[in-house]
Amino acid sequence: MNIGDVAQRSGLPAKTIRYYEEIGLITPLRGANGYRAFRDTDLHKLAFIGRARALGFSIEECRTLLALYEDAGRESGEVKRVAGEHLKQIDAKIAELQSMRATLAHLVHACAGDDRPDCPILEDLAGGACCS
């Protein structure tokens, strides 16, 4: 398969596929003409990486998960550890977003939103200014 075929079948842009090759996540064969020749295994790896990225795993986490996937002697505990650490990161981001939302909701509620110039939202933002 050529890169266009693989891009269509994997749902990943050709530019992303080239990047994954550049960083060593996949290694397609090269024909005598220098063109990439993707195998079904390359397509499968790309689908795996695409799904992992959609779940928010970093490139390095994808590299680790892919290596574990390809290791028949792997221990599922290691896979669970990687996924568990990622879940902790997601939970921390959710908590941060919930805190941001609560603060912003409070400020929006406190703002009259009328024709007066005073605005608690701007006052709060200016309160974080570092210069004096």
C-alpha atoms as a PDB file:
ATOM      1  CA  MET A   1       0.000   0.000   0.000  1.00  0.00           C
ATOM      2  CA  ASN A   2       1.161   3.523  -0.619  1.00  0.00           C
ATOM      3  CA  ILE A   3       0.910   6.346   1.897  1.00  0.00           C
ATOM      4  CA  GLY A   4      -2.360   7.617   0.423  1.00  0.00           C
ATOM      5  CA  ASP A   5      -3.991   4.218   0.850  1.00  0.00           C
ATOM      6  CA  VAL A   6      -2.729   3.856   4.398  1.00  0.00           C
ATOM      7  CA  ALA A   7      -3.806   7.384   5.272  1.00  0.00           C
ATOM      8  CA  GLN A   8      -7.320   6.684   4.028  1.00  0.00           C
ATOM      9  CA  ARG A   9      -7.594   3.315   5.739  1.00  0.00           C
ATOM     10  CA  SER A  10      -6.070   4.429   9.057  1.00  0.00           C
ATOM     11  CA  GLY A  11      -7.816   7.794   9.191  1.00  0.00           C
ATOM     12  CA  LEU A  12      -4.494   9.540   9.806  1.00  0.00           C
ATOM     13  CA  PRO A  13      -3.121  12.327   7.617  1.00  0.00           C
ATOM     14  CA  ALA A  14      -0.124  11.427   5.444  1.00  0.00           C
ATOM     15  CA  LYS A  15       1.878  14.114   7.243  1.00  0.00           C
ATOM     16  CA  THR A  16       1.247  12.381  10.571  1.00  0.00           C
ATOM     17  CA  ILE A  17       2.241   9.023   9.104  1.00  0.00           C
ATOM     18  CA  ARG A  18       5.490  10.518   7.794  1.00  0.00           C
ATOM     19  CA  TYR A  19       6.142  11.981  11.262  1.00  0.00           C
ATOM     20  CA  TYR A  20       5.533   8.618  12.935  1.00  0.00           C
ATOM     21  CA  GLU A  21       8.023   7.105  10.518  1.00  0.00           C
ATOM     22  CA  GLU A  22      10.527   9.883  11.203  1.00  0.00           C
ATOM     23  CA  ILE A  23      10.407   9.253  14.969  1.00  0.00           C
ATOM     24  CA  GLY A  24      10.578   5.488  14.536  1.00  0.00           C
ATOM     25  CA  LEU A  25       7.070   4.425  15.535  1.00  0.00           C
ATOM     26  CA  ILE A  26       6.653   2.657  12.215  1.00  0.00           C
ATOM     27  CA  THR A  27       9.164   1.475   9.633  1.00  0.00           C
ATOM     28  CA  PRO A  28       7.564   0.864   6.253  1.00  0.00           C
ATOM     29  CA  LEU A  29       9.515  -0.905   3.551  1.00  0.00           C
ATOM     30  CA  ARG A  30      11.024   1.168   0.751  1.00  0.00           C
ATOM     31  CA  GLY A  31      10.784   0.109  -2.860  1.00  0.00           C
ATOM     32  CA  ALA A  32      13.641   0.417  -5.354  1.00  0.00           C
ATOM     33  CA  ASN A  33      12.066   3.737  -6.379  1.00  0.00           C
ATOM     34  CA  GLY A  34      12.305   4.992  -2.786  1.00  0.00           C
ATOM     35  CA  TYR A  35       8.557   5.034  -2.246  1.00  0.00           C
ATOM     36  CA  ARG A  36       7.139   3.734   0.993  1.00  0.00           C
ATOM     37  CA  ALA A  37       5.497   0.330   0.794  1.00  0.00           C
ATOM     38  CA  PHE A  38       3.214  -0.163   3.784  1.00  0.00           C
ATOM     39  CA  ARG A  39       2.301  -3.629   4.983  1.00  0.00           C
ATOM     40  CA  ASP A  40      -0.820  -4.674   6.833  1.00  0.00           C
ATOM     41  CA  THR A  41       1.267  -4.685  10.024  1.00  0.00           C
ATOM     42  CA  ASP A  42       2.121  -1.015   9.455  1.00  0.00           C
ATOM     43  CA  LEU A  43      -1.557  -0.229   8.982  1.00  0.00           C
ATOM     44  CA  HIS A  44      -2.391  -2.114  12.179  1.00  0.00           C
ATOM     45  CA  LYS A  45       0.299  -0.195  14.119  1.00  0.00           C
ATOM     46  CA  LEU A  46      -1.010   3.106  12.777  1.00  0.00           C
ATOM     47  CA  ALA A  47      -4.559   2.226  13.834  1.00  0.00           C
ATOM     48  CA  PHE A  48      -3.229   1.249  17.274  1.00  0.00           C
ATOM     49  CA  ILE A  49      -1.317   4.515  17.615  1.00  0.00           C
ATOM     50  CA  GLY A  50      -4.279   6.535  16.330  1.00  0.00           C
ATOM     51  CA  ARG A  51      -6.584   4.999  18.932  1.00  0.00           C
ATOM     52  CA  ALA A  52      -4.025   5.521  21.700  1.00  0.00           C
ATOM     53  CA  ARG A  53      -3.545   9.158  20.663  1.00  0.00           C
ATOM     54  CA  ALA A  54      -7.328   9.636  20.613  1.00  0.00           C
ATOM     55  CA  LEU A  55      -7.302   8.508  24.255  1.00  0.00           C
ATOM     56  CA  GLY A  56      -4.706  11.189  24.957  1.00  0.00           C
ATOM     57  CA  PHE A  57      -1.597   9.035  25.306  1.00  0.00           C
ATOM     58  CA  SER A  58       1.625  10.910  24.549  1.00  0.00           C
ATOM     59  CA  ILE A  59       3.958   9.810  21.775  1.00  0.00           C
ATOM     60  CA  GLU A  60       6.288   8.238  24.339  1.00  0.00           C
ATOM     61  CA  GLU A  61       3.388   6.455  26.019  1.00  0.00           C
ATOM     62  CA  CYS A  62       2.334   5.189  22.576  1.00  0.00           C
ATOM     63  CA  ARG A  63       5.873   3.964  21.982  1.00  0.00           C
ATOM     64  CA  THR A  64       5.775   2.092  25.303  1.00  0.00           C
ATOM     65  CA  LEU A  65       2.317   0.634  24.662  1.00  0.00           C
ATOM     66  CA  LEU A  66       3.275  -0.432  21.146  1.00  0.00           C
ATOM     67  CA  ALA A  67       6.409  -2.148  22.451  1.00  0.00           C
ATOM     68  CA  LEU A  68       4.327  -3.924  25.078  1.00  0.00           C
ATOM     69  CA  TYR A  69       1.762  -4.916  22.458  1.00  0.00           C
ATOM     70  CA  GLU A  70       4.476  -6.443  20.295  1.00  0.00           C
ATOM     71  CA  ASP A  71       6.106  -8.265  23.240  1.00  0.00           C
ATOM     72  CA  ALA A  72       4.477 -11.679  23.585  1.00  0.00           C
ATOM     73  CA  GLY A  73       6.151 -12.055  26.988  1.00  0.00           C
ATOM     74  CA  ARG A  74       4.747  -8.803  28.348  1.00  0.00           C
ATOM     75  CA  GLU A  75       3.064  -8.597  31.696  1.00  0.00           C
ATOM     76  CA  SER A  76      -0.384  -7.022  31.645  1.00  0.00           C
ATOM     77  CA  GLY A  77       0.556  -5.317  34.912  1.00  0.00           C
ATOM     78  CA  GLU A  78       2.970  -3.097  33.013  1.00  0.00           C
ATOM     79  CA  VAL A  79       0.271  -2.138  30.522  1.00  0.00           C
ATOM     80  CA  LYS A  80      -2.081  -1.394  33.404  1.00  0.00           C
ATOM     81  CA  ARG A  81       0.605   0.742  35.076  1.00  0.00           C
ATOM     82  CA  VAL A  82       1.052   2.878  31.941  1.00  0.00           C
ATOM     83  CA  ALA A  83      -2.709   3.254  31.474  1.00  0.00           C
ATOM     84  CA  GLY A  84      -3.213   3.959  35.190  1.00  0.00           C
ATOM     85  CA  GLU A  85      -0.631   6.739  35.158  1.00  0.00           C
ATOM     86  CA  HIS A  86      -2.334   8.256  32.138  1.00  0.00           C
ATOM     87  CA  LEU A  87      -5.695   8.013  33.886  1.00  0.00           C
ATOM     88  CA  LYS A  88      -4.238   9.935  36.842  1.00  0.00           C
ATOM     89  CA  GLN A  89      -3.099  12.667  34.432  1.00  0.00           C
ATOM     90  CA  ILE A  90      -6.584  12.843  32.910  1.00  0.00           C
ATOM     91  CA  ASP A  91      -8.169  13.055  36.371  1.00  0.00           C
ATOM     92  CA  ALA A  92      -5.790  15.902  37.297  1.00  0.00           C
ATOM     93  CA  LYS A  93      -6.713  17.771  34.105  1.00  0.00           C
ATOM     94  CA  ILE A  94     -10.407  17.265  34.807  1.00  0.00           C
ATOM     95  CA  ALA A  95      -9.982  18.614  38.345  1.00  0.00           C
ATOM     96  CA  GLU A  96      -8.088  21.618  36.985  1.00  0.00           C
ATOM     97  CA  LEU A  97     -10.789  22.287  34.387  1.00  0.00           C
ATOM     98  CA  GLN A  98     -13.529  21.960  37.015  1.00  0.00           C
ATOM     99  CA  SER A  99     -11.730  24.485  39.198  1.00  0.00           C
ATOM    100  CA  MET A 100     -11.331  26.855  36.258  1.00  0.00           C
ATOM    101  CA  ARG A 101     -14.998  26.449  35.411  1.00  0.00           C
ATOM    102  CA  ALA A 102     -16.110  27.133  38.977  1.00  0.00           C
ATOM    103  CA  THR A 103     -14.011  30.296  39.150  1.00  0.00           C
ATOM    104  CA  LEU A 104     -15.216  31.562  35.805  1.00  0.00           C
ATOM    105  CA  ALA A 105     -18.850  30.698  36.582  1.00  0.00           C
ATOM    106  CA  HIS A 106     -18.582  32.677  39.813  1.00  0.00           C
ATOM    107  CA  LEU A 107     -17.116  35.678  37.968  1.00  0.00           C
ATOM    108  CA  VAL A 108     -19.737  35.541  35.215  1.00  0.00           C
ATOM    109  CA  HIS A 109     -22.480  35.383  37.828  1.00  0.00           C
ATOM    110  CA  ALA A 110     -20.947  38.332  39.725  1.00  0.00           C
ATOM    111  CA  CYS A 111     -20.785  40.529  36.616  1.00  0.00           C
ATOM    112  CA  ALA A 112     -23.894  42.645  36.048  1.00  0.00           C
ATOM    113  CA  GLY A 113     -23.292  42.646  32.303  1.00  0.00           C
ATOM    114  CA  ASP A 114     -24.928  46.032  31.916  1.00  0.00           C
ATOM    115  CA  ASP A 115     -23.782  49.423  30.652  1.00  0.00           C
ATOM    116  CA  ARG A 116     -21.708  50.213  33.763  1.00  0.00           C
ATOM    117  CA  PRO A 117     -17.913  50.045  33.401  1.00  0.00           C
ATOM    118  CA  ASP A 118     -17.184  48.071  36.570  1.00  0.00           C
ATOM    119  CA  CYS A 119     -16.661  44.382  35.863  1.00  0.00           C
ATOM    120  CA  PRO A 120     -15.613  41.705  38.370  1.00  0.00           C
ATOM    121  CA  ILE A 121     -14.229  39.554  35.548  1.00  0.00           C
ATOM    122  CA  LEU A 122     -11.754  42.234  34.468  1.00  0.00           C
ATOM    123  CA  GLU A 123     -10.966  43.099  38.084  1.00  0.00           C
ATOM    124  CA  ASP A 124     -10.096  39.485  38.816  1.00  0.00           C
ATOM    125  CA  LEU A 125      -7.941  39.199  35.721  1.00  0.00           C
ATOM    126  CA  ALA A 126      -6.145  42.427  36.579  1.00  0.00           C
ATOM    127  CA  GLY A 127      -5.619  41.231  40.143  1.00  0.00           C
ATOM    128  CA  GLY A 128      -3.143  38.695  38.806  1.00  0.00           C
ATOM    129  CA  ALA A 129      -1.029  41.391  37.180  1.00  0.00           C
ATOM    130  CA  CYS A 130       2.601  41.181  38.262  1.00  0.00           C
ATOM    131  CA  CYS A 131       3.810  44.662  37.467  1.00  0.00           C
ATOM    132  CA  SER A 132       3.648  47.632  39.776  1.00  0.00           C
END
